[in-house]
Amino acid sequence: MTLWTTILVASAVVLGTKLLGYLVPASVAAHPRIQRISDVLTVALLASLVVTQTVANGGAIVVDARVAALVVGAVLLRIRAPFIVVVMAAAAVAAALRAMGWAA
């Protein structure tokens, strides 16, 4: 299969899965267990994306300025700082560490 064939097949599968979601009865989606699973699944997928983008570089695990920025962001979110403050502080920490040569 070529790259474009793979992309088109994957797109069709994703679209089909999304359309199948509309066929699920509301009573099934409203079940407490299903709601709990979907809430946890969303957080787990986001957490895995954050971890993958933070510590992965190709096939290796890398600890650099991104990890420090993530820690600063997590601490600021924990103390309920405004989101723009969290983003700016994390970016400033990453930029400062990169300027000092600690990370690429």
C-alpha atoms as a PDB file:
ATOM      1  CA  MET A   1       0.000   0.000   0.000  1.00  0.00           C
ATOM      2  CA  THR A   2       1.184   3.461  -0.747  1.00  0.00           C
ATOM      3  CA  LEU A   3       1.198   6.213   1.832  1.00  0.00           C
ATOM      4  CA  TRP A   4      -1.880   7.871   0.344  1.00  0.00           C
ATOM      5  CA  THR A   5      -3.801   4.604   0.305  1.00  0.00           C
ATOM      6  CA  THR A   6      -2.980   4.106   3.970  1.00  0.00           C
ATOM      7  CA  ILE A   7      -4.103   7.640   4.797  1.00  0.00           C
ATOM      8  CA  LEU A   8      -7.371   7.229   2.890  1.00  0.00           C
ATOM      9  CA  VAL A   9      -8.134   3.860   4.498  1.00  0.00           C
ATOM     10  CA  ALA A  10      -7.362   5.211   7.967  1.00  0.00           C
ATOM     11  CA  SER A  11      -9.550   8.254   7.301  1.00  0.00           C
ATOM     12  CA  ALA A  12     -12.437   6.045   6.193  1.00  0.00           C
ATOM     13  CA  VAL A  13     -12.088   3.892   9.315  1.00  0.00           C
ATOM     14  CA  VAL A  14     -12.069   6.957  11.575  1.00  0.00           C
ATOM     15  CA  LEU A  15     -15.100   8.437   9.806  1.00  0.00           C
ATOM     16  CA  GLY A  16     -16.939   5.114  10.047  1.00  0.00           C
ATOM     17  CA  THR A  17     -16.183   4.848  13.754  1.00  0.00           C
ATOM     18  CA  LYS A  18     -17.415   8.381  14.322  1.00  0.00           C
ATOM     19  CA  LEU A  19     -20.625   7.731  12.392  1.00  0.00           C
ATOM     20  CA  LEU A  20     -21.221   4.508  14.340  1.00  0.00           C
ATOM     21  CA  GLY A  21     -21.188   6.602  17.502  1.00  0.00           C
ATOM     22  CA  TYR A  22     -24.395   8.274  16.367  1.00  0.00           C
ATOM     23  CA  LEU A  23     -26.116   4.887  16.238  1.00  0.00           C
ATOM     24  CA  VAL A  24     -25.472   4.150  19.925  1.00  0.00           C
ATOM     25  CA  PRO A  25     -28.710   4.599  21.890  1.00  0.00           C
ATOM     26  CA  ALA A  26     -28.748   7.412  24.445  1.00  0.00           C
ATOM     27  CA  SER A  27     -29.526   4.932  27.220  1.00  0.00           C
ATOM     28  CA  VAL A  28     -26.198   3.179  26.625  1.00  0.00           C
ATOM     29  CA  ALA A  29     -24.232   6.420  26.554  1.00  0.00           C
ATOM     30  CA  ALA A  30     -25.973   7.651  29.719  1.00  0.00           C
ATOM     31  CA  HIS A  31     -24.965   4.592  31.755  1.00  0.00           C
ATOM     32  CA  PRO A  32     -22.744   5.688  34.704  1.00  0.00           C
ATOM     33  CA  ARG A  33     -20.047   3.116  33.949  1.00  0.00           C
ATOM     34  CA  ILE A  34     -19.769   4.260  30.321  1.00  0.00           C
ATOM     35  CA  GLN A  35     -19.571   7.902  31.399  1.00  0.00           C
ATOM     36  CA  ARG A  36     -16.840   7.092  33.939  1.00  0.00           C
ATOM     37  CA  ILE A  37     -14.837   5.169  31.355  1.00  0.00           C
ATOM     38  CA  SER A  38     -15.137   7.929  28.762  1.00  0.00           C
ATOM     39  CA  ASP A  39     -14.070  10.570  31.297  1.00  0.00           C
ATOM     40  CA  VAL A  40     -11.012   8.558  32.346  1.00  0.00           C
ATOM     41  CA  LEU A  41     -10.172   7.600  28.769  1.00  0.00           C
ATOM     42  CA  THR A  42     -10.074  11.245  27.697  1.00  0.00           C
ATOM     43  CA  VAL A  43      -7.656  12.141  30.488  1.00  0.00           C
ATOM     44  CA  ALA A  44      -5.500   9.077  29.796  1.00  0.00           C
ATOM     45  CA  LEU A  45      -5.212   9.870  26.089  1.00  0.00           C
ATOM     46  CA  LEU A  46      -4.290  13.494  26.801  1.00  0.00           C
ATOM     47  CA  ALA A  47      -1.736  12.444  29.434  1.00  0.00           C
ATOM     48  CA  SER A  48      -0.127   9.948  27.070  1.00  0.00           C
ATOM     49  CA  LEU A  49       0.106  12.603  24.368  1.00  0.00           C
ATOM     50  CA  VAL A  50       1.734  15.066  26.781  1.00  0.00           C
ATOM     51  CA  VAL A  51       4.247  12.485  28.008  1.00  0.00           C
ATOM     52  CA  THR A  52       5.082  11.327  24.499  1.00  0.00           C
ATOM     53  CA  GLN A  53       5.640  14.859  23.244  1.00  0.00           C
ATOM     54  CA  THR A  54       7.607  15.859  26.356  1.00  0.00           C
ATOM     55  CA  VAL A  55      10.141  13.084  26.850  1.00  0.00           C
ATOM     56  CA  ALA A  56      10.357  11.352  23.471  1.00  0.00           C
ATOM     57  CA  ASN A  57      12.772  12.374  20.780  1.00  0.00           C
ATOM     58  CA  GLY A  58      12.810   9.886  17.956  1.00  0.00           C
ATOM     59  CA  GLY A  59      13.310   6.515  19.592  1.00  0.00           C
ATOM     60  CA  ALA A  60      15.012   7.803  22.744  1.00  0.00           C
ATOM     61  CA  ILE A  61      13.815   9.222  26.032  1.00  0.00           C
ATOM     62  CA  VAL A  62      15.205  12.719  26.550  1.00  0.00           C
ATOM     63  CA  VAL A  63      15.070  14.851  29.689  1.00  0.00           C
ATOM     64  CA  ASP A  64      15.448  18.462  28.640  1.00  0.00           C
ATOM     65  CA  ALA A  65      13.801  21.869  29.010  1.00  0.00           C
ATOM     66  CA  ARG A  66      10.406  20.459  28.065  1.00  0.00           C
ATOM     67  CA  VAL A  67      10.289  18.380  31.249  1.00  0.00           C
ATOM     68  CA  ALA A  68      11.103  21.401  33.422  1.00  0.00           C
ATOM     69  CA  ALA A  69       8.468  23.456  31.596  1.00  0.00           C
ATOM     70  CA  LEU A  70       5.921  20.688  32.133  1.00  0.00           C
ATOM     71  CA  VAL A  71       6.703  20.582  35.861  1.00  0.00           C
ATOM     72  CA  VAL A  72       6.347  24.364  36.156  1.00  0.00           C
ATOM     73  CA  GLY A  73       3.063  24.221  34.257  1.00  0.00           C
ATOM     74  CA  ALA A  74       1.750  21.405  36.454  1.00  0.00           C
ATOM     75  CA  VAL A  75       2.635  23.279  39.645  1.00  0.00           C
ATOM     76  CA  LEU A  76       0.983  26.459  38.418  1.00  0.00           C
ATOM     77  CA  LEU A  77      -2.125  24.558  37.357  1.00  0.00           C
ATOM     78  CA  ARG A  78      -2.212  22.891  40.774  1.00  0.00           C
ATOM     79  CA  ILE A  79      -2.274  26.280  42.521  1.00  0.00           C
ATOM     80  CA  ARG A  80      -4.961  27.360  40.035  1.00  0.00           C
ATOM     81  CA  ALA A  81      -3.013  30.068  38.227  1.00  0.00           C
ATOM     82  CA  PRO A  82      -4.698  31.546  35.144  1.00  0.00           C
ATOM     83  CA  PHE A  83      -4.029  29.492  32.027  1.00  0.00           C
ATOM     84  CA  ILE A  84      -2.191  32.296  30.222  1.00  0.00           C
ATOM     85  CA  VAL A  85       0.157  32.600  33.222  1.00  0.00           C
ATOM     86  CA  VAL A  86       0.789  28.842  33.105  1.00  0.00           C
ATOM     87  CA  VAL A  87       1.607  28.927  29.399  1.00  0.00           C
ATOM     88  CA  MET A  88       3.827  32.003  29.653  1.00  0.00           C
ATOM     89  CA  ALA A  89       5.726  30.702  32.693  1.00  0.00           C
ATOM     90  CA  ALA A  90       6.310  27.281  31.133  1.00  0.00           C
ATOM     91  CA  ALA A  91       7.503  28.887  27.903  1.00  0.00           C
ATOM     92  CA  ALA A  92       9.800  31.229  29.847  1.00  0.00           C
ATOM     93  CA  VAL A  93      11.330  28.332  31.795  1.00  0.00           C
ATOM     94  CA  ALA A  94      11.926  26.326  28.622  1.00  0.00           C
ATOM     95  CA  ALA A  95      13.422  29.348  26.852  1.00  0.00           C
ATOM     96  CA  ALA A  96      15.674  30.203  29.798  1.00  0.00           C
ATOM     97  CA  LEU A  97      16.966  26.653  30.112  1.00  0.00           C
ATOM     98  CA  ARG A  98      17.587  26.440  26.385  1.00  0.00           C
ATOM     99  CA  ALA A  99      19.397  29.794  26.477  1.00  0.00           C
ATOM    100  CA  MET A 100      21.642  28.416  29.240  1.00  0.00           C
ATOM    101  CA  GLY A 101      22.401  25.467  26.999  1.00  0.00           C
ATOM    102  CA  TRP A 102      20.721  22.830  29.172  1.00  0.00           C
ATOM    103  CA  ALA A 103      18.556  21.518  26.384  1.00  0.00           C
ATOM    104  CA  ALA A 104      18.283  21.449  22.646  1.00  0.00           C
END
